[in-house]
Protein backbone atom coordinates (compact mmCIF):
# COMPACT_ATOMS: atom_id res chain seq x y z
CA MET A 1 74.82 95.56 124.06
CA SER A 2 77.13 98.23 123.93
CA GLU A 3 80.38 96.07 124.16
CA LEU A 4 78.83 94.17 120.91
CA LYS A 5 78.37 97.30 119.07
CA GLY A 6 81.82 97.94 119.82
CA GLN A 7 83.22 94.81 118.70
CA LEU A 8 80.91 94.62 115.33
CA LEU A 9 82.82 98.20 114.73
CA GLY A 10 85.70 97.26 115.34
CA MET A 11 84.94 93.74 112.89
CA VAL A 12 83.53 96.56 110.27
CA LEU A 13 86.33 98.75 110.31
CA VAL A 14 89.23 96.16 110.59
CA LEU A 15 87.50 94.63 107.41
CA ALA A 16 87.42 97.83 105.24
CA ALA A 17 91.02 98.53 106.03
CA PHE A 18 92.20 95.29 104.93
CA GLY A 19 89.72 95.91 101.65
CA ALA A 20 91.26 99.30 101.47
CA ILE A 21 94.52 97.21 101.15
CA LEU A 22 93.93 94.99 99.20
CA GLY A 23 92.07 97.53 96.67
CA ILE A 24 95.49 99.24 96.55
CA LEU A 25 97.91 96.47 96.10
CA ILE A 26 96.06 94.39 93.77
CA PRO A 27 96.13 96.64 91.19
CA ALA A 28 99.62 97.82 91.63
CA PHE A 29 100.64 93.69 91.56
CA THR A 30 99.12 93.75 88.63
CA ALA A 31 100.60 96.72 86.66
CA SER A 32 103.61 95.34 88.19
CA ALA A 33 103.68 91.90 86.76
CA GLU A 34 102.97 93.31 83.24
CA ALA A 35 105.85 95.55 82.91
CA VAL A 36 107.89 92.31 83.73
CA ASN A 37 105.71 90.26 81.36
CA LYS A 38 106.89 93.26 78.83
CA GLU A 39 110.83 92.95 79.36
CA ILE A 40 111.45 89.41 79.82
CA THR A 41 110.48 86.21 77.46
CA ILE A 42 110.30 82.58 78.70
CA GLU A 43 111.71 80.05 76.55
CA ALA A 44 110.44 76.36 75.51
CA ASN A 45 113.00 75.00 77.45
CA GLY A 46 112.51 77.20 80.99
CA SER A 47 115.21 79.82 79.53
CA VAL A 48 114.52 83.40 80.31
CA LYS A 49 115.74 85.85 78.12
CA PHE A 50 115.45 89.83 78.98
CA ALA A 51 114.31 92.13 76.17
CA ASN A 52 116.42 95.01 76.68
CA PRO A 53 119.65 92.83 77.89
CA ASN A 54 120.88 96.04 79.28
CA ILE A 55 118.52 95.82 82.44
CA THR A 56 120.26 94.87 85.70
CA VAL A 57 118.00 92.56 87.97
CA THR A 58 119.08 93.43 91.98
CA LEU A 59 117.08 90.86 94.15
């Protein structure tokens, strides 16, 4: 019975860790996507233009 409790505790801790990581990363990615959305425009033909042409993009 002790091994089962230990495995359940381990699973709960792993799920809690992943939940905490997702709770931090999802808002960060959302904020980043909104910032990018403010800086670019996509035209009808699919071309991308920067709202501020002085921005340099590094990949």
